[in-house]
Amino acid sequence: MFKDYSKRYNDLNKSMKTLGTRIPATMKAFTALHKASTAKGVLPSKTKELIALGIAITVRCDGCIAYHVYDSLQAGASSEEVLETIGVAVMMGGGPSVVYGCEAMEALDEFAILEKNETARK
């Protein structure tokens, strides 16, 4: 079931930039919505990204999983926090969320390896 989540993340970034040139007002508004929704408030950004990840798993969105695992880690989430988020998503989404929870776990492991390799290069 291995997917290349870092490639998926980068491919989506490129596609969203292209989409932004074709429907700039919509993508500008979407980007602003994402930034506003995940900005630190009463809940920290990390918590908001973990919520988004849980939703991504339950709605079965591959690209969303790639994005929100990555963004959760960037916001300071630990592997354990991501894994607990997967657990809550499984509870809420049942069997299909187990499958997509496994995909989120694979994304987590892939991004952890990439981060470790990047750190080793520095």
Protein backbone atom coordinates (compact mmCIF):
# COMPACT_ATOMS: atom_id res chain seq x y z
CA MET A 1 0.00 0.00 0.00
CA PHE A 2 3.07 2.26 -0.14
CA LYS A 3 2.51 5.68 -1.68
CA ASP A 4 5.08 8.41 -2.04
CA TYR A 5 3.55 11.05 0.22
CA SER A 6 6.33 13.59 -0.16
CA LYS A 7 5.90 13.36 -3.94
CA ARG A 8 2.12 13.64 -3.50
CA TYR A 9 2.62 16.70 -1.31
CA ASN A 10 4.98 18.35 -3.82
CA ASP A 11 2.79 17.43 -6.81
CA LEU A 12 -0.24 18.93 -5.09
CA ASN A 13 1.69 22.11 -4.35
CA LYS A 14 2.54 22.45 -8.04
CA SER A 15 -1.01 21.68 -9.14
CA MET A 16 -2.48 24.14 -6.67
CA LYS A 17 -0.13 26.85 -7.93
CA THR A 18 -1.28 26.13 -11.49
CA LEU A 19 -4.90 26.15 -10.38
CA GLY A 20 -4.17 29.48 -8.71
CA THR A 21 -3.17 30.95 -12.06
CA ARG A 22 -6.40 29.72 -13.63
CA ILE A 23 -8.81 30.61 -10.83
CA PRO A 24 -6.82 33.14 -8.81
CA ALA A 25 -9.66 34.62 -6.76
CA THR A 26 -10.84 31.21 -5.57
CA MET A 27 -7.37 29.94 -4.70
CA LYS A 28 -6.43 33.21 -2.99
CA ALA A 29 -9.57 32.91 -0.87
CA PHE A 30 -8.87 29.22 -0.13
CA THR A 31 -5.29 30.02 0.93
CA ALA A 32 -6.53 32.82 3.18
CA LEU A 33 -9.14 30.46 4.68
CA HIS A 34 -6.47 27.82 5.38
CA LYS A 35 -4.14 30.35 7.00
CA ALA A 36 -6.91 31.88 9.11
CA SER A 37 -8.28 28.50 10.16
CA THR A 38 -4.93 27.12 11.27
CA ALA A 39 -3.52 30.29 12.82
CA LYS A 40 -2.78 30.21 16.54
CA GLY A 41 -5.79 31.21 18.57
CA VAL A 42 -7.36 29.60 21.61
CA LEU A 43 -6.23 26.34 20.01
CA PRO A 44 -2.62 26.15 18.89
CA SER A 45 -1.89 25.62 15.18
CA LYS A 46 -0.64 22.11 15.94
CA THR A 47 -4.02 21.11 17.38
CA LYS A 48 -5.84 22.59 14.41
CA GLU A 49 -3.64 20.67 11.97
CA LEU A 50 -4.25 17.44 13.90
CA ILE A 51 -8.01 18.06 13.70
CA ALA A 52 -7.67 18.59 9.95
CA LEU A 53 -5.73 15.33 9.70
CA GLY A 54 -8.46 13.45 11.58
CA ILE A 55 -11.05 14.83 9.19
CA ALA A 56 -8.87 14.01 6.17
CA ILE A 57 -8.71 10.38 7.30
CA THR A 58 -12.46 10.10 7.88
CA VAL A 59 -13.34 11.66 4.52
CA ARG A 60 -10.70 9.50 2.79
CA CYS A 61 -8.71 12.24 1.07
CA ASP A 62 -5.20 11.06 0.08
CA GLY A 63 -3.91 14.52 -0.72
CA CYS A 64 -5.36 15.97 2.46
CA ILE A 65 -3.64 13.25 4.48
CA ALA A 66 -0.30 14.09 2.88
CA TYR A 67 -0.80 17.79 3.53
CA HIS A 68 -2.01 17.56 7.10
CA VAL A 69 0.52 14.97 8.26
CA TYR A 70 3.24 17.24 6.87
CA ASP A 71 1.66 20.41 8.26
CA SER A 72 1.05 18.79 11.66
CA LEU A 73 4.71 17.88 11.92
CA GLN A 74 5.74 21.37 10.79
CA ALA A 75 3.46 22.83 13.47
CA GLY A 76 5.32 20.81 16.11
CA ALA A 77 3.23 17.66 16.46
CA SER A 78 5.07 14.56 17.58
CA SER A 79 4.70 11.17 15.94
CA GLU A 80 2.76 10.04 18.99
CA GLU A 81 0.29 12.93 18.60
CA VAL A 82 -0.24 12.07 14.94
CA LEU A 83 -0.78 8.42 15.85
CA GLU A 84 -3.33 9.33 18.54
CA THR A 85 -5.12 11.52 15.99
CA ILE A 86 -5.26 8.50 13.68
CA GLY A 87 -6.83 6.55 16.55
CA VAL A 88 -9.57 9.14 17.06
CA ALA A 89 -10.26 9.18 13.31
CA VAL A 90 -10.60 5.38 13.32
CA MET A 91 -13.07 5.60 16.19
CA MET A 92 -15.15 8.17 14.29
CA GLY A 93 -14.86 6.66 10.81
CA GLY A 94 -14.80 2.90 11.39
CA GLY A 95 -13.25 0.41 8.99
CA PRO A 96 -12.56 2.79 6.09
CA SER A 97 -10.72 5.07 8.50
CA VAL A 98 -8.52 2.14 9.52
CA VAL A 99 -7.37 1.90 5.89
CA TYR A 100 -6.78 5.63 5.58
CA GLY A 101 -5.30 5.71 9.08
CA CYS A 102 -2.72 3.21 7.82
CA GLU A 103 -2.01 5.57 4.95
CA ALA A 104 -1.56 8.47 7.37
CA MET A 105 0.85 6.31 9.38
CA GLU A 106 2.83 5.58 6.20
CA ALA A 107 2.94 9.31 5.44
CA LEU A 108 4.14 10.00 8.98
CA ASP A 109 6.91 7.41 8.65
CA GLU A 110 7.95 8.77 5.26
CA PHE A 111 8.11 12.38 6.41
CA ALA A 112 10.05 11.31 9.53
CA ILE A 113 12.65 9.57 7.37
CA LEU A 114 12.92 12.61 5.09
CA GLU A 115 13.33 14.90 8.10
CA LYS A 116 16.00 12.64 9.58
CA ASN A 117 17.89 12.60 6.26
CA GLU A 118 17.60 16.39 5.96
CA THR A 119 18.91 16.85 9.50
CA ALA A 120 21.82 14.48 8.83
CA ARG A 121 22.82 16.55 5.76
CA LYS A 122 23.08 19.77 7.77
